[in-house]
N, C-alpha and C. Protein backbone atom coordinates (compact mmCIF):
# COMPACT_ATOMS: atom_id res chain seq x y z
N MET A 1 28.69 74.01 -8.59
CA MET A 1 27.85 72.93 -7.11
C MET A 1 26.64 72.90 -7.32
N ILE A 2 25.96 71.69 -7.90
CA ILE A 2 24.67 71.01 -7.83
C ILE A 2 24.57 69.74 -6.90
N THR A 3 23.77 70.18 -5.90
CA THR A 3 23.81 69.00 -4.85
C THR A 3 22.11 68.73 -4.79
N ASP A 4 21.26 68.93 -5.64
CA ASP A 4 19.91 68.84 -5.38
C ASP A 4 19.29 68.01 -6.69
N ILE A 5 20.94 67.76 -7.91
CA ILE A 5 20.40 66.54 -9.28
C ILE A 5 20.54 65.11 -8.81
N GLY A 6 19.91 64.58 -9.55
CA GLY A 6 20.02 62.42 -9.62
C GLY A 6 20.93 62.29 -10.55
N MET A 7 21.19 61.35 -10.59
CA MET A 7 22.09 60.12 -11.63
C MET A 7 20.82 60.73 -12.64
N LYS A 8 21.57 60.85 -14.40
CA LYS A 8 20.97 61.38 -15.35
C LYS A 8 20.96 59.77 -16.15
N THR A 9 19.60 60.03 -16.72
CA THR A 9 19.73 59.22 -18.06
C THR A 9 19.88 59.45 -18.85
N GLU A 10 19.95 58.59 -19.95
CA GLU A 10 20.99 59.11 -21.44
C GLU A 10 20.42 60.28 -21.86
N CYS A 11 19.19 60.70 -22.33
CA CYS A 11 18.43 62.71 -21.95
C CYS A 11 18.08 63.38 -20.83
N GLY A 12 18.85 63.60 -19.81
CA GLY A 12 18.94 64.01 -18.76
C GLY A 12 17.80 64.16 -17.43
N ILE A 13 17.22 63.00 -17.76
CA ILE A 13 15.81 62.93 -16.59
C ILE A 13 16.69 62.12 -15.76
N THR A 14 16.20 62.44 -15.04
CA THR A 14 17.09 62.63 -13.09
C THR A 14 16.14 61.21 -12.50
N THR A 15 17.00 60.20 -11.73
CA THR A 15 16.42 59.25 -10.99
C THR A 15 16.68 59.79 -9.28
N ASP A 16 16.37 59.20 -8.79
CA ASP A 16 15.95 59.44 -7.41
C ASP A 16 17.54 59.32 -6.93
N SER A 17 17.96 58.79 -7.17
CA SER A 17 19.90 58.32 -6.20
C SER A 17 20.31 60.07 -6.74
N GLY A 18 21.32 60.48 -5.65
CA GLY A 18 21.74 61.70 -5.34
C GLY A 18 21.28 62.73 -5.04
N ILE A 19 19.77 62.70 -5.05
CA ILE A 19 19.13 63.64 -4.46
C ILE A 19 18.61 64.23 -2.79
N LYS A 20 19.39 65.06 -2.39
CA LYS A 20 18.99 65.44 -1.35
C LYS A 20 17.78 65.18 -0.90
N ALA A 21 17.62 64.07 0.60
CA ALA A 21 16.41 64.21 1.81
C ALA A 21 15.58 65.30 2.14
N ASP A 22 16.51 66.24 1.95
CA ASP A 22 16.11 68.00 2.13
C ASP A 22 14.82 67.83 1.10
N SER A 23 13.59 68.26 1.87
CA SER A 23 12.30 68.96 0.91
C SER A 23 12.06 69.69 0.87
N ARG A 24 12.80 70.72 1.25
CA ARG A 24 12.21 72.17 1.78
C ARG A 24 12.00 72.88 0.45
N ILE A 25 11.17 73.72 0.30
CA ILE A 25 11.31 74.45 -1.25
C ILE A 25 12.08 75.32 -1.26
N LYS A 26 12.76 75.62 -2.23
CA LYS A 26 13.48 76.03 -2.76
C LYS A 26 13.76 77.44 -2.97
N ILE A 27 14.86 78.25 -3.11
CA ILE A 27 13.94 80.31 -3.80
C ILE A 27 15.42 80.48 -4.27
N LYS A 28 14.89 80.77 -5.54
CA LYS A 28 15.82 81.29 -6.37
C LYS A 28 15.74 82.41 -7.02
N ILE A 29 16.35 84.17 -6.54
CA ILE A 29 16.31 85.40 -7.42
C ILE A 29 16.85 85.34 -8.53
N CYS A 30 15.94 85.75 -9.03
CA CYS A 30 16.46 85.90 -10.70
C CYS A 30 16.75 87.51 -11.47
N GLY A 31 17.87 87.68 -12.19
CA GLY A 31 18.10 88.77 -12.70
C GLY A 31 19.11 90.04 -11.86
N LEU A 32 19.84 89.52 -11.31
CA LEU A 32 20.50 90.04 -10.63
C LEU A 32 21.77 90.77 -11.48
N SER A 33 22.47 91.82 -11.76
CA SER A 33 22.79 92.07 -12.56
C SER A 33 24.29 93.16 -12.35
N ARG A 34 24.45 92.99 -10.89
CA ARG A 34 25.33 94.51 -10.36
C ARG A 34 26.31 93.63 -8.83
N GLN A 35 26.79 93.70 -8.70
CA GLN A 35 27.81 93.64 -7.95
C GLN A 35 27.13 93.79 -6.61
N LEU A 36 26.73 94.94 -6.47
CA LEU A 36 25.09 95.07 -5.30
C LEU A 36 24.59 94.12 -5.16
N ASP A 37 24.25 93.60 -5.94
CA ASP A 37 23.59 92.17 -6.30
C ASP A 37 23.85 91.45 -5.40
N ILE A 38 24.98 90.77 -5.90
CA ILE A 38 25.41 89.79 -5.40
C ILE A 38 25.74 90.20 -3.95
N GLU A 39 26.43 91.36 -3.27
CA GLU A 39 26.89 91.42 -1.75
C GLU A 39 25.30 90.98 -1.24
N TYR A 40 24.17 91.58 -1.67
CA TYR A 40 23.36 91.19 -1.04
C TYR A 40 22.65 89.62 -0.73
N ALA A 41 22.72 88.86 -2.15
CA ALA A 41 22.72 87.56 -2.03
C ALA A 41 23.53 86.67 -1.08
N ASN A 42 24.48 87.13 -1.10
CA ASN A 42 25.81 86.70 0.02
C ASN A 42 25.13 86.96 1.39
N GLN A 43 24.41 87.63 1.18
CA GLN A 43 23.85 88.19 2.47
C GLN A 43 22.79 87.14 3.33
N VAL A 44 21.86 86.87 2.03
CA VAL A 44 20.66 86.46 2.50
C VAL A 44 20.83 85.05 1.70
N ARG A 45 21.59 83.95 1.02
CA ARG A 45 21.57 83.40 0.96
C ARG A 45 20.26 82.14 0.20
N PRO A 46 19.94 82.98 -0.92
CA PRO A 46 18.89 82.17 -2.14
C PRO A 46 19.70 81.06 -1.81
N ASP A 47 18.83 79.59 -2.31
CA ASP A 47 19.43 78.25 -3.11
C ASP A 47 20.23 78.77 -4.51
N TYR A 48 19.37 80.02 -5.13
CA TYR A 48 19.95 79.99 -6.51
C TYR A 48 19.80 81.10 -6.71
N ILE A 49 20.71 82.11 -7.65
CA ILE A 49 20.45 83.31 -8.72
C ILE A 49 20.14 83.04 -9.75
N GLY A 50 19.61 83.90 -10.96
CA GLY A 50 20.07 83.76 -12.01
C GLY A 50 20.16 85.03 -12.68
N PHE A 51 21.11 84.71 -13.54
CA PHE A 51 21.84 85.78 -14.45
C PHE A 51 21.05 85.59 -16.11
N VAL A 52 20.13 86.97 -16.45
CA VAL A 52 19.59 87.12 -17.52
C VAL A 52 20.64 86.71 -18.41
N PHE A 53 20.67 86.52 -19.86
CA PHE A 53 21.73 86.60 -20.95
C PHE A 53 20.83 86.87 -22.39
N ALA A 54 19.67 87.14 -21.73
CA ALA A 54 18.54 87.49 -23.33
C ALA A 54 18.33 89.23 -23.32
N PRO A 55 17.84 89.71 -24.27
CA PRO A 55 17.50 91.01 -24.26
C PRO A 55 16.43 91.38 -23.09
N SER A 56 16.67 92.17 -22.41
CA SER A 56 16.16 92.78 -20.38
C SER A 56 16.61 93.43 -20.57
N ARG A 57 16.40 94.34 -19.53
CA ARG A 57 16.74 95.46 -18.56
C ARG A 57 18.01 94.74 -17.59
N ARG A 58 17.77 93.89 -17.72
CA ARG A 58 18.18 92.94 -16.37
C ARG A 58 19.29 92.18 -17.20
N GLN A 59 19.44 92.01 -18.64
CA GLN A 59 20.59 91.16 -18.86
C GLN A 59 21.83 91.28 -18.99
N VAL A 60 22.83 90.87 -18.83
CA VAL A 60 24.39 91.01 -18.86
C VAL A 60 25.35 89.86 -19.23
N SER A 61 26.17 90.79 -19.50
CA SER A 61 27.28 89.74 -21.03
C SER A 61 27.61 88.44 -20.06
N PHE A 62 28.26 87.52 -20.47
CA PHE A 62 28.91 86.29 -20.25
C PHE A 62 30.11 86.96 -19.37
N ARG A 63 30.56 88.51 -19.78
CA ARG A 63 32.08 88.95 -19.24
C ARG A 63 31.62 88.99 -17.98
N GLN A 64 30.59 90.29 -18.03
CA GLN A 64 30.33 90.75 -16.66
C GLN A 64 28.76 89.20 -15.72
N ALA A 65 28.84 88.25 -16.19
CA ALA A 65 28.15 87.65 -15.45
C ALA A 65 29.58 86.71 -14.60
N ALA A 66 30.77 86.29 -15.60
CA ALA A 66 31.87 85.46 -15.30
C ALA A 66 32.38 86.30 -13.50
N ASP A 67 32.55 87.54 -14.01
CA ASP A 67 32.91 88.90 -12.13
C ASP A 67 31.78 88.45 -11.83
N LEU A 68 30.69 88.32 -11.79
CA LEU A 68 29.63 88.77 -10.40
C LEU A 68 29.46 86.83 -9.69
N ARG A 69 30.02 86.04 -10.75
CA ARG A 69 30.02 85.00 -10.35
C ARG A 69 31.52 84.49 -9.00
N GLY A 70 32.68 85.16 -9.37
CA GLY A 70 33.37 85.63 -9.00
C GLY A 70 33.26 85.91 -7.90
N GLU A 71 32.15 86.47 -7.23
CA GLU A 71 31.87 86.93 -6.28
C GLU A 71 31.37 86.53 -5.49
N LEU A 72 29.90 85.70 -5.87
CA LEU A 72 29.14 84.79 -5.08
C LEU A 72 29.79 83.70 -4.27
N HIS A 73 28.95 83.74 -3.11
CA HIS A 73 29.24 83.06 -2.56
C HIS A 73 28.66 80.79 -2.71
N PRO A 74 30.09 80.46 -2.44
CA PRO A 74 30.07 79.16 -3.32
C PRO A 74 28.78 78.25 -3.12
N ASN A 75 28.47 78.30 -2.19
CA ASN A 75 26.50 77.63 -2.00
C ASN A 75 25.85 78.40 -2.63
N ILE A 76 26.17 79.29 -3.30
CA ILE A 76 24.45 79.74 -4.17
C ILE A 76 24.71 78.84 -5.99
N ASP A 77 23.81 78.11 -6.08
CA ASP A 77 23.88 77.90 -7.21
C ASP A 77 22.89 79.03 -8.42
N VAL A 78 23.94 79.42 -9.83
CA VAL A 78 23.99 79.90 -11.12
C VAL A 78 23.27 79.53 -12.16
N VAL A 79 22.13 79.46 -12.00
CA VAL A 79 21.53 79.70 -13.47
C VAL A 79 21.18 80.76 -14.87
N GLY A 80 21.59 79.94 -15.51
CA GLY A 80 22.08 81.20 -16.72
C GLY A 80 20.33 80.74 -17.68
N VAL A 81 20.36 82.11 -17.89
CA VAL A 81 18.76 82.09 -18.89
C VAL A 81 18.48 82.68 -20.62
N PHE A 82 18.39 81.51 -20.88
CA PHE A 82 18.71 81.67 -22.77
C PHE A 82 16.77 81.44 -22.88
N VAL A 83 16.90 82.45 -24.13
CA VAL A 83 15.80 82.34 -24.60
C VAL A 83 16.39 82.68 -26.62
N ASP A 84 15.86 81.45 -26.88
CA ASP A 84 16.29 80.84 -28.55
C ASP A 84 17.81 81.09 -28.66
N ALA A 85 18.66 80.78 -27.71
CA ALA A 85 20.31 81.30 -27.70
C ALA A 85 21.05 80.58 -28.64
N ALA A 86 21.79 80.67 -29.51
CA ALA A 86 22.56 79.56 -30.27
C ALA A 86 23.20 78.20 -29.15
N GLU A 87 23.35 77.00 -29.77
CA GLU A 87 23.28 76.00 -28.47
C GLU A 87 25.16 76.10 -28.12
N GLU A 88 26.03 76.85 -28.94
CA GLU A 88 27.39 77.23 -29.12
C GLU A 88 27.46 77.96 -27.61
N GLU A 89 26.86 79.15 -27.75
CA GLU A 89 27.06 79.88 -26.90
C GLU A 89 26.67 79.50 -25.31
N ILE A 90 25.38 79.28 -25.04
CA ILE A 90 25.29 78.23 -24.15
C ILE A 90 26.01 77.09 -23.70
N ILE A 91 26.59 76.51 -23.99
CA ILE A 91 27.64 75.06 -23.76
C ILE A 91 28.67 75.89 -23.49
N SER A 92 29.48 76.90 -24.10
CA SER A 92 30.54 77.84 -23.64
C SER A 92 31.09 77.78 -22.28
N CYS A 93 29.34 79.04 -22.44
CA CYS A 93 28.71 78.99 -21.19
C CYS A 93 29.04 78.62 -19.93
N CYS A 94 28.67 77.23 -19.61
CA CYS A 94 28.30 75.96 -19.57
C CYS A 94 30.10 75.49 -18.42
N ARG A 95 30.71 75.56 -19.67
CA ARG A 95 31.81 74.94 -19.49
C ARG A 95 32.97 75.83 -18.38
N SER A 96 32.69 76.73 -19.38
CA SER A 96 33.55 78.15 -18.40
C SER A 96 33.83 78.38 -17.22
N GLY A 97 32.32 77.42 -16.36
CA GLY A 97 32.18 77.79 -14.38
C GLY A 97 31.21 78.95 -14.23
N ILE A 98 31.15 79.37 -15.76
CA ILE A 98 30.00 80.64 -15.63
C ILE A 98 28.62 79.99 -14.20
N ILE A 99 27.84 79.43 -15.21
CA ILE A 99 26.95 78.78 -14.98
C ILE A 99 26.72 77.39 -14.09
N ASP A 100 25.65 76.59 -13.34
CA ASP A 100 25.68 75.75 -13.68
C ASP A 100 24.00 74.79 -13.80
N ILE A 101 23.14 75.89 -13.77
CA ILE A 101 22.26 75.31 -14.47
C ILE A 101 21.84 75.84 -15.68
N VAL A 102 21.39 75.24 -16.84
CA VAL A 102 20.79 76.08 -18.05
C VAL A 102 19.35 76.49 -18.20
N GLN A 103 18.55 77.48 -18.12
CA GLN A 103 17.26 77.77 -18.39
C GLN A 103 17.10 78.19 -19.34
N LEU A 104 16.10 77.76 -20.31
CA LEU A 104 15.87 77.80 -22.00
C LEU A 104 14.27 78.23 -21.44
N HIS A 105 14.34 79.71 -21.73
CA HIS A 105 13.12 80.42 -22.29
C HIS A 105 12.41 80.86 -23.04
N GLY A 106 12.42 79.81 -23.91
CA GLY A 106 12.14 80.27 -25.81
C GLY A 106 11.39 79.24 -26.39
N ARG A 107 11.48 79.13 -27.17
CA ARG A 107 11.24 77.99 -28.29
C ARG A 107 11.47 76.47 -28.64
N GLU A 108 12.64 76.29 -27.60
CA GLU A 108 13.65 75.49 -27.87
C GLU A 108 12.45 73.69 -27.42
N THR A 109 13.12 72.46 -28.16
CA THR A 109 12.26 71.39 -28.46
C THR A 109 12.43 70.57 -27.80
N GLU A 110 12.76 69.41 -27.75
CA GLU A 110 13.53 68.33 -26.62
C GLU A 110 14.43 67.71 -27.57
N GLN A 111 14.48 68.43 -28.60
CA GLN A 111 15.81 67.39 -29.40
C GLN A 111 17.01 68.92 -28.86
N ASP A 112 16.75 70.14 -29.05
CA ASP A 112 17.52 70.89 -28.64
C ASP A 112 17.80 70.74 -26.85
N ILE A 113 17.00 70.33 -25.90
CA ILE A 113 16.97 69.70 -24.61
C ILE A 113 18.50 69.09 -24.82
N CYS A 114 18.45 68.20 -25.27
CA CYS A 114 19.11 66.61 -25.43
C CYS A 114 20.75 66.92 -25.50
N ARG A 115 20.57 67.50 -26.53
CA ARG A 115 21.97 68.27 -27.23
C ARG A 115 22.52 69.18 -26.17
N ILE A 116 21.81 70.07 -25.26
CA ILE A 116 22.74 70.53 -24.30
C ILE A 116 22.81 70.29 -23.11
N GLN A 117 22.13 69.11 -23.01
CA GLN A 117 21.84 68.50 -21.53
C GLN A 117 23.57 67.31 -22.08
N ASN A 118 23.46 66.72 -22.93
CA ASN A 118 24.72 66.13 -23.74
C ASN A 118 25.58 66.82 -23.74
N ALA A 119 25.44 67.82 -24.17
CA ALA A 119 26.97 68.52 -24.61
C ALA A 119 27.40 69.29 -23.57
N ALA A 120 26.72 69.85 -22.62
CA ALA A 120 27.33 70.81 -21.60
C ALA A 120 27.69 70.13 -19.82
N GLY A 121 26.52 69.30 -19.94
CA GLY A 121 27.16 68.36 -18.74
C GLY A 121 26.51 68.77 -17.64
N VAL A 122 25.41 70.21 -17.60
CA VAL A 122 24.71 70.19 -16.79
C VAL A 122 22.81 69.63 -16.44
N PRO A 123 22.37 70.57 -15.59
CA PRO A 123 20.92 70.37 -15.22
C PRO A 123 20.47 71.27 -16.21
N VAL A 124 19.33 71.24 -17.37
CA VAL A 124 18.45 71.77 -17.71
C VAL A 124 17.35 72.08 -17.37
N ILE A 125 16.43 73.32 -17.27
CA ILE A 125 15.09 74.08 -16.88
C ILE A 125 14.29 74.25 -18.00
N LYS A 126 13.27 73.96 -18.33
CA LYS A 126 12.90 74.40 -19.48
C LYS A 126 11.38 74.73 -19.30
N ALA A 127 11.12 76.41 -19.30
CA ALA A 127 10.22 76.91 -18.95
C ALA A 127 8.50 77.43 -20.00
N VAL A 128 7.88 76.90 -19.25
CA VAL A 128 7.05 76.65 -19.71
C VAL A 128 5.73 77.89 -19.88
N LYS A 129 5.39 78.78 -20.79
CA LYS A 129 4.13 79.35 -20.17
C LYS A 129 2.63 78.48 -20.48
N VAL A 130 1.88 79.17 -19.12
CA VAL A 130 0.83 78.12 -18.55
C VAL A 130 -0.30 79.05 -19.01
N GLU A 131 -1.36 78.80 -19.60
CA GLU A 131 -2.26 79.53 -19.92
C GLU A 131 -3.77 78.51 -19.91
N SER A 132 -3.07 77.13 -19.43
CA SER A 132 -4.46 76.21 -19.47
C SER A 132 -3.92 74.99 -18.93
N PRO A 133 -4.14 74.29 -18.46
CA PRO A 133 -3.91 72.68 -17.84
C PRO A 133 -3.30 72.06 -18.76
N GLY A 134 -3.49 72.19 -20.27
CA GLY A 134 -3.09 71.92 -21.00
C GLY A 134 -1.81 71.76 -21.74
N ASP A 135 -0.76 73.13 -21.38
CA ASP A 135 0.11 73.69 -21.66
C ASP A 135 0.83 72.69 -20.29
N VAL A 136 0.88 72.69 -19.27
CA VAL A 136 1.07 71.96 -18.39
C VAL A 136 2.12 70.77 -18.47
N GLU A 137 0.26 69.64 -19.22
CA GLU A 137 0.74 68.55 -19.31
C GLU A 137 1.41 68.42 -20.57
N ALA A 138 0.96 69.16 -21.80
CA ALA A 138 2.17 69.38 -22.57
C ALA A 138 3.70 68.92 -22.38
N TRP A 139 4.17 69.21 -21.06
CA TRP A 139 5.76 68.73 -21.12
C TRP A 139 5.74 68.24 -20.08
N LEU A 140 5.01 67.55 -19.44
CA LEU A 140 5.17 66.59 -18.45
C LEU A 140 6.29 65.48 -18.55
N SER A 141 6.49 65.44 -19.63
CA SER A 141 6.91 63.45 -19.89
C SER A 141 8.49 64.57 -21.06
N SER A 142 8.52 65.68 -20.91
CA SER A 142 10.06 66.09 -21.01
C SER A 142 10.93 66.10 -20.34
N SER A 143 12.43 65.08 -21.44
CA SER A 143 13.36 65.05 -20.52
C SER A 143 14.47 66.35 -20.14
N ALA A 144 13.84 67.41 -20.19
CA ALA A 144 14.26 68.38 -19.10
C ALA A 144 14.43 67.89 -17.93
N ASP A 145 15.72 68.63 -16.74
CA ASP A 145 15.06 68.09 -15.59
C ASP A 145 14.36 68.60 -14.46
N TYR A 146 14.42 69.79 -15.17
CA TYR A 146 13.11 70.80 -14.28
C TYR A 146 12.58 71.32 -15.19
N LEU A 147 11.44 72.20 -14.84
CA LEU A 147 10.10 72.39 -15.70
C LEU A 147 9.88 73.85 -14.55
N LEU A 148 10.23 74.94 -15.52
CA LEU A 148 9.48 76.23 -14.52
C LEU A 148 8.11 76.80 -15.59
N PHE A 149 7.40 76.80 -14.80
CA PHE A 149 6.18 77.33 -14.61
C PHE A 149 5.40 78.63 -15.11
N ASP A 150 5.72 79.50 -15.57
CA ASP A 150 5.22 80.89 -15.45
C ASP A 150 4.07 81.34 -16.63
N SER A 151 3.85 82.54 -16.40
CA SER A 151 3.03 83.38 -17.26
C SER A 151 3.35 84.13 -19.13
N GLY A 152 4.59 83.85 -18.94
CA GLY A 152 5.46 83.88 -19.86
C GLY A 152 6.91 84.75 -19.53
N GLN A 153 8.03 85.41 -20.37
CA GLN A 153 8.95 85.71 -20.27
C GLN A 153 9.19 87.12 -19.66
N GLY A 154 8.89 86.95 -18.53
CA GLY A 154 9.55 88.20 -17.09
C GLY A 154 7.69 88.80 -17.00
N THR A 155 7.42 88.49 -17.46
CA THR A 155 5.80 89.37 -17.31
C THR A 155 5.23 90.13 -16.02
N GLY A 156 5.83 89.56 -15.21
CA GLY A 156 6.03 89.55 -13.70
C GLY A 156 4.09 89.28 -13.53
N GLN A 157 3.69 88.44 -14.03
CA GLN A 157 1.78 88.65 -14.31
C GLN A 157 2.33 86.99 -13.29
N THR A 158 1.13 86.69 -12.54
CA THR A 158 0.57 84.94 -11.80
C THR A 158 -0.27 84.47 -12.92
N PHE A 159 -0.32 83.52 -13.00
CA PHE A 159 -1.36 82.64 -13.62
C PHE A 159 -2.42 81.77 -12.47
N GLU A 160 -3.14 81.36 -13.21
CA GLU A 160 -4.14 80.05 -12.59
C GLU A 160 -2.89 78.53 -11.72
N TRP A 161 -2.68 78.77 -10.33
CA TRP A 161 -1.86 78.04 -9.83
C TRP A 161 -2.20 76.63 -10.28
N SER A 162 -3.75 77.26 -9.65
CA SER A 162 -5.02 75.53 -9.56
C SER A 162 -4.19 74.24 -10.76
N HIS A 163 -3.39 74.80 -11.86
CA HIS A 163 -2.99 73.90 -12.86
C HIS A 163 -2.20 73.05 -12.53
N LEU A 164 -1.08 73.64 -11.31
CA LEU A 164 0.07 72.80 -11.08
C LEU A 164 -0.24 71.95 -10.16
N MET A 165 -1.68 71.83 -9.88
CA MET A 165 -1.69 70.70 -8.41
C MET A 165 -1.79 69.64 -8.54
N GLY A 166 -1.29 68.92 -7.74
CA GLY A 166 -1.07 67.03 -8.29
C GLY A 166 0.20 67.08 -8.94
N LEU A 167 1.48 67.84 -9.13
CA LEU A 167 2.36 67.38 -9.63
C LEU A 167 2.98 66.48 -9.40
N ASP A 168 3.43 65.25 -10.11
CA ASP A 168 4.77 64.24 -9.31
C ASP A 168 5.95 64.44 -9.88
N ARG A 169 5.72 65.26 -10.43
CA ARG A 169 7.68 65.91 -10.50
C ARG A 169 8.06 67.23 -10.21
N LYS A 170 9.05 66.99 -10.50
CA LYS A 170 10.04 69.19 -9.74
C LYS A 170 10.10 69.43 -10.64
N PHE A 171 9.67 71.28 -10.41
CA PHE A 171 9.39 72.31 -10.93
C PHE A 171 9.85 73.23 -10.16
N PHE A 172 10.16 74.40 -11.14
CA PHE A 172 10.25 76.26 -10.24
C PHE A 172 8.35 76.49 -10.68
N LEU A 173 8.17 77.43 -9.51
CA LEU A 173 6.93 78.42 -9.83
C LEU A 173 7.64 79.99 -10.04
N ALA A 174 7.33 80.27 -10.82
CA ALA A 174 7.55 81.71 -11.25
C ALA A 174 6.30 82.75 -11.32
N GLY A 175 6.33 83.87 -11.85
CA GLY A 175 5.54 85.05 -12.66
C GLY A 175 4.78 85.18 -11.25
N GLY A 176 5.40 87.07 -10.94
CA GLY A 176 4.46 87.59 -10.40
C GLY A 176 4.54 87.47 -8.54
N LEU A 177 5.47 86.49 -8.54
CA LEU A 177 5.79 86.18 -7.14
C LEU A 177 6.62 87.42 -6.32
N HIS A 178 5.85 87.62 -4.87
CA HIS A 178 6.31 88.97 -4.25
C HIS A 178 6.47 88.36 -2.85
N SER A 179 6.49 88.88 -1.68
CA SER A 179 5.66 88.49 -0.32
C SER A 179 4.84 88.10 0.22
N GLY A 180 4.30 89.00 -0.30
CA GLY A 180 2.43 89.04 -0.46
C GLY A 180 1.61 88.12 -0.59
N ASN A 181 2.50 86.98 -1.65
CA ASN A 181 1.88 85.70 -2.49
C ASN A 181 2.71 84.77 -2.24
N LEU A 182 4.06 84.69 -2.42
CA LEU A 182 4.77 83.41 -1.91
C LEU A 182 4.19 82.55 -1.05
N LYS A 183 3.56 82.80 -0.15
CA LYS A 183 2.85 81.81 0.89
C LYS A 183 2.08 81.26 0.53
N GLU A 184 0.90 81.72 0.28
CA GLU A 184 -0.26 81.01 -0.81
C GLU A 184 0.40 80.02 -1.74
N ALA A 185 1.11 80.66 -2.45
CA ALA A 185 1.22 80.44 -3.74
C ALA A 185 2.16 78.66 -3.85
N CYS A 186 3.00 78.74 -2.58
CA CYS A 186 4.13 77.88 -1.80
C CYS A 186 3.27 76.32 -1.86
N ARG A 187 1.66 77.09 -0.43
CA ARG A 187 0.76 75.86 0.40
C ARG A 187 0.20 75.67 -0.78
N LYS A 188 -0.06 76.33 -1.74
CA LYS A 188 -0.69 75.43 -2.66
C LYS A 188 -0.63 74.54 -3.52
N VAL A 189 0.84 75.11 -4.43
CA VAL A 189 1.25 74.21 -5.06
C VAL A 189 2.80 72.71 -5.01
N ARG A 190 3.30 73.36 -3.53
CA ARG A 190 4.04 72.84 -3.36
C ARG A 190 5.55 73.21 -4.14
N PRO A 191 5.67 74.22 -4.99
CA PRO A 191 7.07 74.08 -6.07
C PRO A 191 8.29 73.39 -5.38
N TYR A 192 9.58 73.18 -6.37
CA TYR A 192 10.51 72.86 -6.24
C TYR A 192 10.93 73.53 -5.86
N CYS A 193 10.93 74.82 -6.23
CA CYS A 193 11.82 75.72 -6.25
C CYS A 193 10.60 77.26 -6.51
N ALA A 194 10.37 78.28 -5.68
CA ALA A 194 9.98 79.51 -6.08
C ALA A 194 10.66 80.22 -6.80
N ASP A 195 10.31 81.15 -7.90
CA ASP A 195 11.38 81.42 -8.74
C ASP A 195 11.06 83.42 -8.56
N VAL A 196 11.86 84.08 -8.05
CA VAL A 196 11.27 85.44 -8.03
C VAL A 196 12.28 86.66 -8.54
N SER A 197 11.69 87.72 -9.50
CA SER A 197 12.45 88.65 -9.65
C SER A 197 12.56 90.01 -9.84
N SER A 198 11.04 90.20 -9.94
CA SER A 198 10.21 92.02 -10.24
C SER A 198 10.16 92.01 -8.64
N GLY A 199 9.45 91.02 -7.49
CA GLY A 199 9.18 90.46 -6.48
C GLY A 199 10.05 90.92 -5.23
N ALA A 200 11.54 91.05 -6.14
CA ALA A 200 12.72 90.98 -4.82
C ALA A 200 13.48 92.13 -5.72
N GLU A 201 12.54 93.72 -6.15
CA GLU A 201 13.14 95.11 -6.40
C GLU A 201 12.15 95.89 -6.25
N THR A 202 12.93 97.40 -5.96
CA THR A 202 12.44 98.09 -5.84
C THR A 202 12.83 99.11 -6.61
N GLU A 203 11.76 99.73 -8.13
CA GLU A 203 12.05 100.57 -9.22
C GLU A 203 13.43 100.11 -10.01
N GLY A 204 12.78 98.72 -9.79
CA GLY A 204 13.76 98.18 -11.05
C GLY A 204 14.94 97.48 -10.60
N ARG A 205 15.41 97.81 -9.59
CA ARG A 205 16.78 97.36 -8.20
C ARG A 205 16.55 96.28 -7.86
N LYS A 206 17.24 94.95 -7.59
CA LYS A 206 17.42 94.36 -6.07
C LYS A 206 16.87 95.21 -4.88
N ASN A 207 16.55 94.59 -3.86
CA ASN A 207 16.24 95.52 -2.75
C ASN A 207 16.74 94.52 -1.89
N LEU A 208 17.59 94.92 -0.62
CA LEU A 208 17.89 94.07 -0.14
C LEU A 208 17.36 93.45 0.95
N GLU A 209 16.54 94.36 1.41
CA GLU A 209 15.21 94.32 2.61
C GLU A 209 13.92 93.21 1.80
N LYS A 210 13.64 92.86 0.57
CA LYS A 210 12.60 92.50 -0.04
C LYS A 210 13.31 91.02 -0.48
N MET A 211 14.81 90.88 -0.50
CA MET A 211 15.25 89.99 -0.67
C MET A 211 15.19 89.04 0.64
N ARG A 212 15.65 89.65 1.84
CA ARG A 212 15.49 88.79 2.78
C ARG A 212 14.23 88.44 3.32
N GLU A 213 13.08 89.21 2.82
CA GLU A 213 11.60 88.66 3.59
C GLU A 213 11.38 87.18 2.79
N LEU A 214 11.92 87.31 1.21
CA LEU A 214 11.24 86.47 0.49
C LEU A 214 12.16 85.13 0.88
N VAL A 215 13.18 84.86 1.52
CA VAL A 215 14.03 84.21 1.82
C VAL A 215 13.83 83.21 2.79
N GLU A 216 13.74 84.59 4.27
CA GLU A 216 12.90 83.90 5.46
C GLU A 216 11.72 83.67 5.14
N ILE A 217 10.79 83.76 4.55
CA ILE A 217 9.38 83.40 4.17
C ILE A 217 9.45 81.90 3.71
N ILE A 218 10.48 81.53 2.84
CA ILE A 218 10.91 80.13 2.21
C ILE A 218 11.30 79.29 3.50
N HIS A 219 12.04 79.53 4.12
CA HIS A 219 12.52 79.44 5.50
C HIS A 219 11.23 78.94 6.56
N ARG A 220 10.79 79.71 6.75
CA ARG A 220 10.01 79.70 7.01
C ARG A 220 8.61 78.51 7.78
N LEU A 221 8.77 78.28 6.34
CA LEU A 221 7.96 77.22 4.91
C LEU A 221 7.73 75.50 6.10
N GLU A 222 9.40 75.72 6.38
CA GLU A 222 10.14 74.09 6.44
C GLU A 222 9.29 73.75 7.43
N GLU A 223 8.81 74.57 8.40
CA GLU A 223 7.85 73.87 9.45
C GLU A 223 5.84 74.49 9.65
N LYS A 224 5.83 74.80 8.05
CA LYS A 224 4.50 74.50 7.96
C LYS A 224 3.82 74.55 6.79
N VAL A 225 4.52 74.11 5.57
CA VAL A 225 4.01 73.65 4.12
C VAL A 225 3.57 72.26 4.12
């Protein structure tokens, strides 16, 4: 159920048509893996949740993800996180209705992005590791529907947010976000969406109160950013 994506060109770049007038910063809670996590999400209502299909302590199988998706509130969109996965697996996951958006977090090329967009028919997020302004600039013309800027593959560390200031395309901000720095990060670079994983956890498990606090911070920013 994608409501924020516009009409696509041949290779997936969006236009303004069909994009909601709502300019509120969104929030994604990534790495849900238990039924309890889904219950938490249904209570706090982030805009997106993420299932990790790559090797990780948060990894889920397609079958697990399908079962969890079945319990998720229909207004929450689902992102599937892949790292150098076979295109056939990604496309199958999309066509089965498990996920609404593909997040590529590996060494995928522009050609890979285009093929997946065209075959799967869903938006694609391309994750970019940021160590310098050049890392950002290198991907600004990407055909990915969104970029996601991070310090690495789930490192839980922040990076220099100033590298993102003034960008004129929608992006997800990830990497070490938590309730103590989320407001500052959003005010500084105004991402399309803040992406949180470990910052929503206690001892490696999703925590209801942390998830609730993160969502509330984003909602309060509507009037202040």
